[in-house]
Amino acid sequence: MSYAFEHVLAMAASVHGDHSAMDRLTPEWRSSVLVERRGPALWLTLNRPDILNGLSPDLIAAMFQGLDAAEDPAVRAVVITGAGRAFSAGGDMNFQQDLLGDERGLTEGWARWLEINNVMMARLRHLPKPVIAAVHGVAVAGGLEIIASCDMAVAGENVKIGDGHLNYGFAPGSGEAAILTRVAGSHRTKRLLFTGELLPARRLESWGVISDVVPDDEVYATVERMTEAMAKKSAAGIAGLKRLITEGADAPLEVAIKMEADHLARYSLGPDVQEGVAAFVEKREPEFPQSVPTVLHQGAPMSFGMPALPN
């Protein structure tokens, strides 16, 4: 069994709740992602600057632990960034070479690796609170996949972003092509994926992939202002709108409008609308509860279910 395959099995087992499997990861796996509270937000910093924050089993396992911490109701937003000179340059190619060089790694190991990556990206998309990418340096391949799965992204004006999978014979597999096609259109997505070229953040902002471009030294301050503003809003309101926008994006217009009206009707049964109206009448700041009312969970669950391990 190769080193990489063993780590994929340990990562998959740990993500599925077998915490004893974490002992089979490298001793420093927990430090692969730094978890820090900054005001109302939980910051997850990819911390493998030696490999430009390349995605590896250790880092993905640490990301899941960070996202578990994000379930705390006191956490009102999640910020993902990278240590060193890159946001993330994508998958750790040394790990992938070892994995694909093993017969079981090429089949079972690769399938597990893709499965857990998809679960992580989906968890970002379905977390019932804002997830923001704070991007600096470069973001390539898996780094762009993370950006695509976040609710918004703030990038420095000198940031370069690209796909790069085809540069090494790979292809995206965690939703990037599907999401970018919906955001930027098929022609621009093909331009990005087929050439592998690194494009300036301003270009990606004009395509809708990046929400804000600011001076490089203002990225973190900008994100902190955004999370402070979001923390003053209704947690239930943001959770409901995130779900509504995600699900409504693929629905016909009239269906999406009906979904919006139905959402407001359900949301109004919770305490936040009454508190907001009372605060307006009384000329004071509203004080919204931190938790998300269960009424918002009617229908499909808001959290992303973990698939069972294959037999």
C-alpha atoms as a PDB file:
ATOM      1  CA  MET A   1       0.000   0.000   0.000  1.00  0.00           C
ATOM      2  CA  SER A   2       1.476   3.339  -1.018  1.00  0.00           C
ATOM      3  CA  TYR A   3       1.942   6.188   1.417  1.00  0.00           C
ATOM      4  CA  ALA A   4      -0.599   8.303  -0.499  1.00  0.00           C
ATOM      5  CA  PHE A   5      -3.217   5.538  -0.642  1.00  0.00           C
ATOM      6  CA  GLU A   6      -2.898   4.907   3.091  1.00  0.00           C
ATOM      7  CA  HIS A   7      -3.435   8.601   3.758  1.00  0.00           C
ATOM      8  CA  VAL A   8      -6.499   8.739   1.516  1.00  0.00           C
ATOM      9  CA  LEU A   9      -8.047   5.837   3.431  1.00  0.00           C
ATOM     10  CA  ALA A  10      -7.238   7.542   6.744  1.00  0.00           C
ATOM     11  CA  MET A  11      -8.675  10.847   5.523  1.00  0.00           C
ATOM     12  CA  ALA A  12     -11.884   9.216   4.290  1.00  0.00           C
ATOM     13  CA  ALA A  13     -12.333   7.258   7.521  1.00  0.00           C
ATOM     14  CA  SER A  14     -11.716  10.338   9.684  1.00  0.00           C
ATOM     15  CA  VAL A  15     -14.175  12.427   7.680  1.00  0.00           C
ATOM     16  CA  HIS A  16     -16.784   9.697   8.130  1.00  0.00           C
ATOM     17  CA  GLY A  17     -16.358   9.785  11.902  1.00  0.00           C
ATOM     18  CA  ASP A  18     -13.581   7.283  12.638  1.00  0.00           C
ATOM     19  CA  HIS A  19     -11.406   9.672  14.631  1.00  0.00           C
ATOM     20  CA  SER A  20      -8.863   6.972  15.432  1.00  0.00           C
ATOM     21  CA  ALA A  21      -7.946   7.054  11.727  1.00  0.00           C
ATOM     22  CA  MET A  22      -6.429  10.486  12.235  1.00  0.00           C
ATOM     23  CA  ASP A  23      -3.494   8.801  13.933  1.00  0.00           C
ATOM     24  CA  ARG A  24      -2.542   7.440  10.508  1.00  0.00           C
ATOM     25  CA  LEU A  25      -2.180  10.932   9.060  1.00  0.00           C
ATOM     26  CA  THR A  26       1.068  12.848   9.382  1.00  0.00           C
ATOM     27  CA  PRO A  27       1.731  14.186  12.907  1.00  0.00           C
ATOM     28  CA  GLU A  28       1.427  17.778  11.716  1.00  0.00           C
ATOM     29  CA  TRP A  29      -1.887  17.299   9.888  1.00  0.00           C
ATOM     30  CA  ARG A  30      -3.821  19.541  12.275  1.00  0.00           C
ATOM     31  CA  SER A  31      -1.576  22.492  11.414  1.00  0.00           C
ATOM     32  CA  SER A  32      -2.394  22.095   7.705  1.00  0.00           C
ATOM     33  CA  VAL A  33      -5.327  24.453   8.326  1.00  0.00           C
ATOM     34  CA  LEU A  34      -5.171  27.178  10.950  1.00  0.00           C
ATOM     35  CA  VAL A  35      -8.516  27.806  12.675  1.00  0.00           C
ATOM     36  CA  GLU A  36      -8.969  31.250  14.203  1.00  0.00           C
ATOM     37  CA  ARG A  37     -11.902  33.319  15.419  1.00  0.00           C
ATOM     38  CA  ARG A  38     -11.786  36.947  14.286  1.00  0.00           C
ATOM     39  CA  GLY A  39     -14.813  38.722  15.653  1.00  0.00           C
ATOM     40  CA  PRO A  40     -17.959  37.041  14.315  1.00  0.00           C
ATOM     41  CA  ALA A  41     -16.095  35.061  11.641  1.00  0.00           C
ATOM     42  CA  LEU A  42     -14.153  31.816  11.669  1.00  0.00           C
ATOM     43  CA  TRP A  43     -11.013  32.070   9.519  1.00  0.00           C
ATOM     44  CA  LEU A  44      -9.639  28.891   7.973  1.00  0.00           C
ATOM     45  CA  THR A  45      -6.117  29.428   6.649  1.00  0.00           C
ATOM     46  CA  LEU A  46      -4.666  26.792   4.333  1.00  0.00           C
ATOM     47  CA  ASN A  47      -1.230  26.364   5.884  1.00  0.00           C
ATOM     48  CA  ARG A  48       1.034  24.464   3.511  1.00  0.00           C
ATOM     49  CA  PRO A  49       2.968  27.399   2.026  1.00  0.00           C
ATOM     50  CA  ASP A  50       5.849  25.074   1.126  1.00  0.00           C
ATOM     51  CA  ILE A  51       3.661  23.532  -1.596  1.00  0.00           C
ATOM     52  CA  LEU A  52       1.571  26.669  -2.281  1.00  0.00           C
ATOM     53  CA  ASN A  53      -1.239  25.241  -0.148  1.00  0.00           C
ATOM     54  CA  GLY A  54      -1.686  22.240  -2.402  1.00  0.00           C
ATOM     55  CA  LEU A  55      -4.650  20.057  -1.474  1.00  0.00           C
ATOM     56  CA  SER A  56      -3.648  16.816   0.253  1.00  0.00           C
ATOM     57  CA  PRO A  57      -5.386  14.293   2.567  1.00  0.00           C
ATOM     58  CA  ASP A  58      -3.954  16.000   5.658  1.00  0.00           C
ATOM     59  CA  LEU A  59      -5.184  19.418   4.563  1.00  0.00           C
ATOM     60  CA  ILE A  60      -8.654  18.147   3.600  1.00  0.00           C
ATOM     61  CA  ALA A  61      -9.046  16.352   6.945  1.00  0.00           C
ATOM     62  CA  ALA A  62      -8.061  19.565   8.735  1.00  0.00           C
ATOM     63  CA  MET A  63     -10.563  21.512   6.600  1.00  0.00           C
ATOM     64  CA  PHE A  64     -13.358  19.243   7.797  1.00  0.00           C
ATOM     65  CA  GLN A  65     -12.387  19.885  11.406  1.00  0.00           C
ATOM     66  CA  GLY A  66     -12.457  23.614  10.705  1.00  0.00           C
ATOM     67  CA  LEU A  67     -15.893  23.349   9.110  1.00  0.00           C
ATOM     68  CA  ASP A  68     -17.114  21.404  12.134  1.00  0.00           C
ATOM     69  CA  ALA A  69     -16.077  24.397  14.258  1.00  0.00           C
ATOM     70  CA  ALA A  70     -18.059  26.636  11.896  1.00  0.00           C
ATOM     71  CA  GLU A  71     -21.288  24.949  13.033  1.00  0.00           C
ATOM     72  CA  ASP A  72     -21.066  26.987  16.276  1.00  0.00           C
ATOM     73  CA  PRO A  73     -24.047  29.410  16.195  1.00  0.00           C
ATOM     74  CA  ALA A  74     -21.735  32.205  17.377  1.00  0.00           C
ATOM     75  CA  VAL A  75     -19.831  31.889  14.093  1.00  0.00           C
ATOM     76  CA  ARG A  76     -21.668  34.120  11.648  1.00  0.00           C
ATOM     77  CA  ALA A  77     -19.406  33.706   8.611  1.00  0.00           C
ATOM     78  CA  VAL A  78     -16.487  31.588   7.418  1.00  0.00           C
ATOM     79  CA  VAL A  79     -13.428  32.988   5.655  1.00  0.00           C
ATOM     80  CA  ILE A  80     -11.008  30.800   3.693  1.00  0.00           C
ATOM     81  CA  THR A  81      -7.550  32.104   2.865  1.00  0.00           C
ATOM     82  CA  GLY A  82      -4.022  30.804   2.384  1.00  0.00           C
ATOM     83  CA  ALA A  83      -0.685  31.239   4.121  1.00  0.00           C
ATOM     84  CA  GLY A  84       2.374  32.340   2.192  1.00  0.00           C
ATOM     85  CA  ARG A  85       2.383  33.615  -1.373  1.00  0.00           C
ATOM     86  CA  ALA A  86      -0.602  31.686  -2.732  1.00  0.00           C
ATOM     87  CA  PHE A  87      -4.250  31.097  -1.960  1.00  0.00           C
ATOM     88  CA  SER A  88      -3.915  27.564  -3.336  1.00  0.00           C
ATOM     89  CA  ALA A  89      -2.173  26.161  -6.386  1.00  0.00           C
ATOM     90  CA  GLY A  90      -4.498  23.151  -6.501  1.00  0.00           C
ATOM     91  CA  GLY A  91      -3.832  19.517  -5.752  1.00  0.00           C
ATOM     92  CA  ASP A  92      -0.533  18.346  -4.285  1.00  0.00           C
ATOM     93  CA  MET A  93       0.963  16.752  -7.414  1.00  0.00           C
ATOM     94  CA  ASN A  94       3.585  14.745  -5.467  1.00  0.00           C
ATOM     95  CA  PHE A  95       0.808  13.096  -3.476  1.00  0.00           C
ATOM     96  CA  GLN A  96      -1.249  12.492  -6.613  1.00  0.00           C
ATOM     97  CA  GLN A  97       1.678  10.886  -8.433  1.00  0.00           C
ATOM     98  CA  ASP A  98       2.167   8.457  -5.572  1.00  0.00           C
ATOM     99  CA  LEU A  99      -1.564   7.727  -5.388  1.00  0.00           C
ATOM    100  CA  LEU A 100      -1.973   7.092  -9.116  1.00  0.00           C
ATOM    101  CA  GLY A 101       1.158   4.969  -9.228  1.00  0.00           C
ATOM    102  CA  ASP A 102      -0.456   2.389  -6.943  1.00  0.00           C
ATOM    103  CA  GLU A 103      -2.983   0.006  -8.551  1.00  0.00           C
ATOM    104  CA  ARG A 104      -5.472   0.312  -5.680  1.00  0.00           C
ATOM    105  CA  GLY A 105      -4.722   4.026  -5.450  1.00  0.00           C
ATOM    106  CA  LEU A 106      -5.597   4.439  -9.111  1.00  0.00           C
ATOM    107  CA  THR A 107      -9.003   2.828  -8.560  1.00  0.00           C
ATOM    108  CA  GLU A 108     -10.263   2.790  -4.984  1.00  0.00           C
ATOM    109  CA  GLY A 109      -7.913   5.499  -3.700  1.00  0.00           C
ATOM    110  CA  TRP A 110      -8.653   7.980  -6.472  1.00  0.00           C
ATOM    111  CA  ALA A 111     -12.405   7.394  -6.115  1.00  0.00           C
ATOM    112  CA  ARG A 112     -12.223   8.060  -2.370  1.00  0.00           C
ATOM    113  CA  TRP A 113     -10.096  11.167  -2.937  1.00  0.00           C
ATOM    114  CA  LEU A 114     -12.586  12.635  -5.421  1.00  0.00           C
ATOM    115  CA  GLU A 115     -15.531  11.708  -3.213  1.00  0.00           C
ATOM    116  CA  ILE A 116     -14.183  13.506  -0.139  1.00  0.00           C
ATOM    117  CA  ASN A 117     -13.152  16.551  -2.174  1.00  0.00           C
ATOM    118  CA  ASN A 118     -16.698  16.774  -3.516  1.00  0.00           C
ATOM    119  CA  VAL A 119     -18.159  16.433  -0.035  1.00  0.00           C
ATOM    120  CA  MET A 120     -15.949  19.275   1.208  1.00  0.00           C
ATOM    121  CA  MET A 121     -16.881  21.595  -1.675  1.00  0.00           C
ATOM    122  CA  ALA A 122     -20.560  20.786  -1.218  1.00  0.00           C
ATOM    123  CA  ARG A 123     -20.303  21.508   2.478  1.00  0.00           C
ATOM    124  CA  LEU A 124     -19.012  24.997   1.659  1.00  0.00           C
ATOM    125  CA  ARG A 125     -21.958  25.542  -0.673  1.00  0.00           C
ATOM    126  CA  HIS A 126     -24.558  24.247   1.781  1.00  0.00           C
ATOM    127  CA  LEU A 127     -23.243  25.677   5.042  1.00  0.00           C
ATOM    128  CA  PRO A 128     -26.128  27.904   6.239  1.00  0.00           C
ATOM    129  CA  LYS A 129     -23.914  30.961   6.677  1.00  0.00           C
ATOM    130  CA  PRO A 130     -21.729  33.022   4.325  1.00  0.00           C
ATOM    131  CA  VAL A 131     -18.447  31.526   3.145  1.00  0.00           C
ATOM    132  CA  ILE A 132     -15.957  34.062   1.759  1.00  0.00           C
ATOM    133  CA  ALA A 133     -12.681  33.416  -0.044  1.00  0.00           C
ATOM    134  CA  ALA A 134      -9.963  35.978   0.769  1.00  0.00           C
ATOM    135  CA  VAL A 135      -7.633  35.514  -2.187  1.00  0.00           C
ATOM    136  CA  HIS A 136      -4.033  36.634  -2.606  1.00  0.00           C
ATOM    137  CA  GLY A 137      -1.147  35.584  -4.830  1.00  0.00           C
ATOM    138  CA  VAL A 138      -2.381  32.869  -7.155  1.00  0.00           C
ATOM    139  CA  ALA A 139      -5.375  30.538  -7.171  1.00  0.00           C
ATOM    140  CA  VAL A 140      -5.226  27.635  -9.592  1.00  0.00           C
ATOM    141  CA  ALA A 141      -7.166  24.406 -10.218  1.00  0.00           C
ATOM    142  CA  GLY A 142      -8.304  23.229  -6.763  1.00  0.00           C
ATOM    143  CA  GLY A 143      -7.844  26.792  -5.510  1.00  0.00           C
ATOM    144  CA  LEU A 144     -10.329  27.978  -8.133  1.00  0.00           C
ATOM    145  CA  GLU A 145     -12.656  25.104  -7.196  1.00  0.00           C
ATOM    146  CA  ILE A 146     -12.708  26.405  -3.614  1.00  0.00           C
ATOM    147  CA  ILE A 147     -13.463  29.934  -4.857  1.00  0.00           C
ATOM    148  CA  ALA A 148     -16.294  28.594  -7.029  1.00  0.00           C
ATOM    149  CA  SER A 149     -17.830  26.842  -3.999  1.00  0.00           C
ATOM    150  CA  CYS A 150     -17.698  29.949  -1.789  1.00  0.00           C
ATOM    151  CA  ASP A 151     -20.539  32.465  -1.655  1.00  0.00           C
ATOM    152  CA  MET A 152     -18.254  35.341  -2.595  1.00  0.00           C
ATOM    153  CA  ALA A 153     -14.578  36.064  -3.107  1.00  0.00           C
ATOM    154  CA  VAL A 154     -12.459  39.138  -2.392  1.00  0.00           C
ATOM    155  CA  ALA A 155      -9.162  39.229  -4.297  1.00  0.00           C
ATOM    156  CA  GLY A 156      -6.146  41.501  -4.356  1.00  0.00           C
ATOM    157  CA  GLU A 157      -5.667  43.519  -7.528  1.00  0.00           C
ATOM    158  CA  ASN A 158      -2.480  41.620  -8.421  1.00  0.00           C
ATOM    159  CA  VAL A 159      -3.976  38.164  -7.934  1.00  0.00           C
ATOM    160  CA  LYS A 160      -3.764  35.711 -10.843  1.00  0.00           C
ATOM    161  CA  ILE A 161      -6.421  33.038 -11.220  1.00  0.00           C
ATOM    162  CA  GLY A 162      -6.678  30.098 -13.593  1.00  0.00           C
ATOM    163  CA  ASP A 163      -7.690  26.489 -13.912  1.00  0.00           C
ATOM    164  CA  GLY A 164      -4.598  24.590 -15.014  1.00  0.00           C
ATOM    165  CA  HIS A 165      -6.025  21.062 -14.805  1.00  0.00           C
ATOM    166  CA  LEU A 166      -5.464  20.411 -18.505  1.00  0.00           C
ATOM    167  CA  ASN A 167      -1.873  21.648 -18.242  1.00  0.00           C
ATOM    168  CA  TYR A 168      -1.095  18.300 -16.597  1.00  0.00           C
ATOM    169  CA  GLY A 169      -3.720  16.102 -18.239  1.00  0.00           C
ATOM    170  CA  PHE A 170      -6.297  16.443 -15.454  1.00  0.00           C
ATOM    171  CA  ALA A 171      -9.835  17.826 -15.410  1.00  0.00           C
ATOM    172  CA  PRO A 172     -11.856  19.556 -12.688  1.00  0.00           C
ATOM    173  CA  GLY A 173     -14.020  17.164 -10.709  1.00  0.00           C
ATOM    174  CA  SER A 174     -15.559  19.093  -7.812  1.00  0.00           C
ATOM    175  CA  GLY A 175     -18.148  21.234  -9.565  1.00  0.00           C
ATOM    176  CA  GLU A 176     -15.927  23.980 -10.941  1.00  0.00           C
ATOM    177  CA  ALA A 177     -16.922  23.588 -14.604  1.00  0.00           C
ATOM    178  CA  ALA A 178     -20.625  23.398 -13.769  1.00  0.00           C
ATOM    179  CA  ILE A 179     -20.568  26.367 -11.389  1.00  0.00           C
ATOM    180  CA  LEU A 180     -18.420  28.615 -13.574  1.00  0.00           C
ATOM    181  CA  THR A 181     -20.626  27.908 -16.596  1.00  0.00           C
ATOM    182  CA  ARG A 182     -23.614  29.170 -14.619  1.00  0.00           C
ATOM    183  CA  VAL A 183     -21.703  32.207 -13.363  1.00  0.00           C
ATOM    184  CA  ALA A 184     -19.514  33.247 -16.301  1.00  0.00           C
ATOM    185  CA  GLY A 185     -21.166  31.489 -19.259  1.00  0.00           C
ATOM    186  CA  SER A 186     -19.922  28.590 -21.344  1.00  0.00           C
ATOM    187  CA  HIS A 187     -17.610  30.599 -23.634  1.00  0.00           C
ATOM    188  CA  ARG A 188     -15.698  32.215 -20.780  1.00  0.00           C
ATOM    189  CA  THR A 189     -15.535  28.960 -18.838  1.00  0.00           C
ATOM    190  CA  LYS A 190     -14.077  27.171 -21.864  1.00  0.00           C
ATOM    191  CA  ARG A 191     -11.598  30.017 -22.292  1.00  0.00           C
ATOM    192  CA  LEU A 192     -10.476  29.573 -18.691  1.00  0.00           C
ATOM    193  CA  LEU A 193     -10.350  25.773 -18.659  1.00  0.00           C
ATOM    194  CA  PHE A 194      -9.085  25.038 -22.163  1.00  0.00           C
ATOM    195  CA  THR A 195      -6.102  27.424 -22.098  1.00  0.00           C
ATOM    196  CA  GLY A 196      -4.989  27.003 -18.474  1.00  0.00           C
ATOM    197  CA  GLU A 197      -3.928  30.642 -18.607  1.00  0.00           C
ATOM    198  CA  LEU A 198      -3.649  32.694 -15.429  1.00  0.00           C
ATOM    199  CA  LEU A 199      -5.934  35.713 -15.718  1.00  0.00           C
ATOM    200  CA  PRO A 200      -5.976  38.878 -13.607  1.00  0.00           C
ATOM    201  CA  ALA A 201      -8.509  39.144 -10.822  1.00  0.00           C
ATOM    202  CA  ARG A 202     -10.109  42.175 -12.518  1.00  0.00           C
ATOM    203  CA  ARG A 203     -11.003  39.996 -15.511  1.00  0.00           C
ATOM    204  CA  LEU A 204     -12.575  37.369 -13.284  1.00  0.00           C
ATOM    205  CA  GLU A 205     -14.466  40.104 -11.434  1.00  0.00           C
ATOM    206  CA  SER A 206     -16.004  41.264 -14.722  1.00  0.00           C
ATOM    207  CA  TRP A 207     -17.043  37.655 -15.358  1.00  0.00           C
ATOM    208  CA  GLY A 208     -18.755  37.373 -11.965  1.00  0.00           C
ATOM    209  CA  VAL A 209     -16.321  34.805 -10.557  1.00  0.00           C
ATOM    210  CA  ILE A 210     -14.796  37.288  -8.083  1.00  0.00           C
ATOM    211  CA  SER A 211     -17.135  39.592  -6.174  1.00  0.00           C
ATOM    212  CA  ASP A 212     -14.620  42.306  -5.161  1.00  0.00           C
ATOM    213  CA  VAL A 213     -11.109  43.326  -6.209  1.00  0.00           C
ATOM    214  CA  VAL A 214      -9.231  45.617  -3.831  1.00  0.00           C
ATOM    215  CA  PRO A 215      -5.587  46.660  -3.260  1.00  0.00           C
ATOM    216  CA  ASP A 216      -3.564  43.659  -2.132  1.00  0.00           C
ATOM    217  CA  ASP A 217      -2.995  45.004   1.368  1.00  0.00           C
ATOM    218  CA  GLU A 218      -6.710  45.667   1.891  1.00  0.00           C
ATOM    219  CA  VAL A 219      -8.092  42.170   1.235  1.00  0.00           C
ATOM    220  CA  TYR A 220      -8.329  41.057   4.856  1.00  0.00           C
ATOM    221  CA  ALA A 221      -9.648  44.393   6.136  1.00  0.00           C
ATOM    222  CA  THR A 222     -12.319  44.370   3.419  1.00  0.00           C
ATOM    223  CA  VAL A 223     -13.403  40.854   4.336  1.00  0.00           C
ATOM    224  CA  GLU A 224     -13.498  41.731   8.035  1.00  0.00           C
ATOM    225  CA  ARG A 225     -15.787  44.700   7.311  1.00  0.00           C
ATOM    226  CA  MET A 226     -18.054  42.424   5.301  1.00  0.00           C
ATOM    227  CA  THR A 227     -18.305  39.814   8.055  1.00  0.00           C
ATOM    228  CA  GLU A 228     -18.966  42.485  10.681  1.00  0.00           C
ATOM    229  CA  ALA A 229     -21.832  43.822   8.554  1.00  0.00           C
ATOM    230  CA  MET A 230     -23.260  40.332   8.017  1.00  0.00           C
ATOM    231  CA  ALA A 231     -23.126  39.568  11.735  1.00  0.00           C
ATOM    232  CA  LYS A 232     -25.599  42.367  12.384  1.00  0.00           C
ATOM    233  CA  LYS A 233     -28.158  40.752  10.110  1.00  0.00           C
ATOM    234  CA  SER A 234     -30.548  37.908  10.834  1.00  0.00           C
ATOM    235  CA  ALA A 235     -28.698  34.574  10.866  1.00  0.00           C
ATOM    236  CA  ALA A 236     -31.918  32.860   9.804  1.00  0.00           C
ATOM    237  CA  GLY A 237     -32.435  35.423   7.058  1.00  0.00           C
ATOM    238  CA  ILE A 238     -28.973  34.870   5.592  1.00  0.00           C
ATOM    239  CA  ALA A 239     -29.288  31.069   5.838  1.00  0.00           C
ATOM    240  CA  GLY A 240     -32.638  31.116   4.072  1.00  0.00           C
ATOM    241  CA  LEU A 241     -31.476  33.475   1.345  1.00  0.00           C
ATOM    242  CA  LYS A 242     -28.341  31.429   0.691  1.00  0.00           C
ATOM    243  CA  ARG A 243     -30.459  28.358   0.149  1.00  0.00           C
ATOM    244  CA  LEU A 244     -33.012  30.275  -1.905  1.00  0.00           C
ATOM    245  CA  ILE A 245     -30.407  31.806  -4.229  1.00  0.00           C
ATOM    246  CA  THR A 246     -28.640  28.470  -4.703  1.00  0.00           C
ATOM    247  CA  GLU A 247     -31.770  26.477  -5.438  1.00  0.00           C
ATOM    248  CA  GLY A 248     -33.475  29.230  -7.428  1.00  0.00           C
ATOM    249  CA  ALA A 249     -30.539  29.719  -9.793  1.00  0.00           C
ATOM    250  CA  ASP A 250     -31.473  26.643 -11.831  1.00  0.00           C
ATOM    251  CA  ALA A 251     -35.232  27.069 -11.658  1.00  0.00           C
ATOM    252  CA  PRO A 252     -37.414  28.766 -14.300  1.00  0.00           C
ATOM    253  CA  LEU A 253     -38.057  32.409 -13.442  1.00  0.00           C
ATOM    254  CA  GLU A 254     -41.686  32.007 -12.378  1.00  0.00           C
ATOM    255  CA  VAL A 255     -40.783  28.974 -10.256  1.00  0.00           C
ATOM    256  CA  ALA A 256     -37.923  30.912  -8.612  1.00  0.00           C
ATOM    257  CA  ILE A 257     -40.261  33.820  -7.861  1.00  0.00           C
ATOM    258  CA  LYS A 258     -42.760  31.425  -6.266  1.00  0.00           C
ATOM    259  CA  MET A 259     -39.935  29.895  -4.218  1.00  0.00           C
ATOM    260  CA  GLU A 260     -39.011  33.387  -3.003  1.00  0.00           C
ATOM    261  CA  ALA A 261     -42.592  34.166  -1.960  1.00  0.00           C
ATOM    262  CA  ASP A 262     -42.927  30.815  -0.189  1.00  0.00           C
ATOM    263  CA  HIS A 263     -39.641  31.411   1.613  1.00  0.00           C
ATOM    264  CA  LEU A 264     -40.820  34.796   2.913  1.00  0.00           C
ATOM    265  CA  ALA A 265     -44.070  33.263   4.119  1.00  0.00           C
ATOM    266  CA  ARG A 266     -42.178  30.613   6.121  1.00  0.00           C
ATOM    267  CA  TYR A 267     -39.492  33.024   7.319  1.00  0.00           C
ATOM    268  CA  SER A 268     -42.130  35.439   8.595  1.00  0.00           C
ATOM    269  CA  LEU A 269     -43.284  32.772  11.071  1.00  0.00           C
ATOM    270  CA  GLY A 270     -39.968  33.121  12.892  1.00  0.00           C
ATOM    271  CA  PRO A 271     -39.084  35.871  15.375  1.00  0.00           C
ATOM    272  CA  ASP A 272     -36.758  37.909  13.165  1.00  0.00           C
ATOM    273  CA  VAL A 273     -39.347  39.733  11.075  1.00  0.00           C
ATOM    274  CA  GLN A 274     -41.268  40.788  14.169  1.00  0.00           C
ATOM    275  CA  GLU A 275     -38.033  41.954  15.824  1.00  0.00           C
ATOM    276  CA  GLY A 276     -36.995  43.871  12.713  1.00  0.00           C
ATOM    277  CA  VAL A 277     -40.318  45.685  12.459  1.00  0.00           C
ATOM    278  CA  ALA A 278     -40.341  46.469  16.182  1.00  0.00           C
ATOM    279  CA  ALA A 279     -36.795  47.844  16.002  1.00  0.00           C
ATOM    280  CA  PHE A 280     -37.734  50.092  13.083  1.00  0.00           C
ATOM    281  CA  VAL A 281     -40.789  51.447  14.884  1.00  0.00           C
ATOM    282  CA  GLU A 282     -38.840  51.954  18.121  1.00  0.00           C
ATOM    283  CA  LYS A 283     -35.880  53.523  16.260  1.00  0.00           C
ATOM    284  CA  ARG A 284     -33.286  51.095  17.588  1.00  0.00           C
ATOM    285  CA  GLU A 285     -30.947  48.441  16.222  1.00  0.00           C
ATOM    286  CA  PRO A 286     -32.625  45.008  15.960  1.00  0.00           C
ATOM    287  CA  GLU A 287     -31.359  42.197  18.160  1.00  0.00           C
ATOM    288  CA  PHE A 288     -31.732  39.006  16.180  1.00  0.00           C
ATOM    289  CA  PRO A 289     -31.315  35.530  17.691  1.00  0.00           C
ATOM    290  CA  GLN A 290     -28.204  33.637  16.670  1.00  0.00           C
ATOM    291  CA  SER A 291     -29.837  30.317  15.844  1.00  0.00           C
ATOM    292  CA  VAL A 292     -31.664  29.380  12.649  1.00  0.00           C
ATOM    293  CA  PRO A 293     -35.380  28.602  13.303  1.00  0.00           C
ATOM    294  CA  THR A 294     -36.405  25.055  12.428  1.00  0.00           C
ATOM    295  CA  VAL A 295     -39.125  26.411  10.136  1.00  0.00           C
ATOM    296  CA  LEU A 296     -36.392  27.121   7.587  1.00  0.00           C
ATOM    297  CA  HIS A 297     -35.527  23.441   7.485  1.00  0.00           C
ATOM    298  CA  GLN A 298     -38.854  22.390   5.996  1.00  0.00           C
ATOM    299  CA  GLY A 299     -38.317  20.589   2.720  1.00  0.00           C
ATOM    300  CA  ALA A 300     -34.809  19.521   1.722  1.00  0.00           C
ATOM    301  CA  PRO A 301     -32.241  19.652   4.551  1.00  0.00           C
ATOM    302  CA  MET A 302     -29.984  22.676   4.599  1.00  0.00           C
ATOM    303  CA  SER A 303     -26.923  20.736   5.706  1.00  0.00           C
ATOM    304  CA  PHE A 304     -25.080  18.446   3.311  1.00  0.00           C
ATOM    305  CA  GLY A 305     -25.377  14.803   4.263  1.00  0.00           C
ATOM    306  CA  MET A 306     -22.248  12.680   4.395  1.00  0.00           C
ATOM    307  CA  PRO A 307     -22.364   9.761   1.970  1.00  0.00           C
ATOM    308  CA  ALA A 308     -21.660   6.300   3.318  1.00  0.00           C
ATOM    309  CA  LEU A 309     -18.289   4.719   2.752  1.00  0.00           C
ATOM    310  CA  PRO A 310     -18.331   2.237  -0.144  1.00  0.00           C
ATOM    311  CA  ASN A 311     -18.219  -1.456   0.772  1.00  0.00           C
END
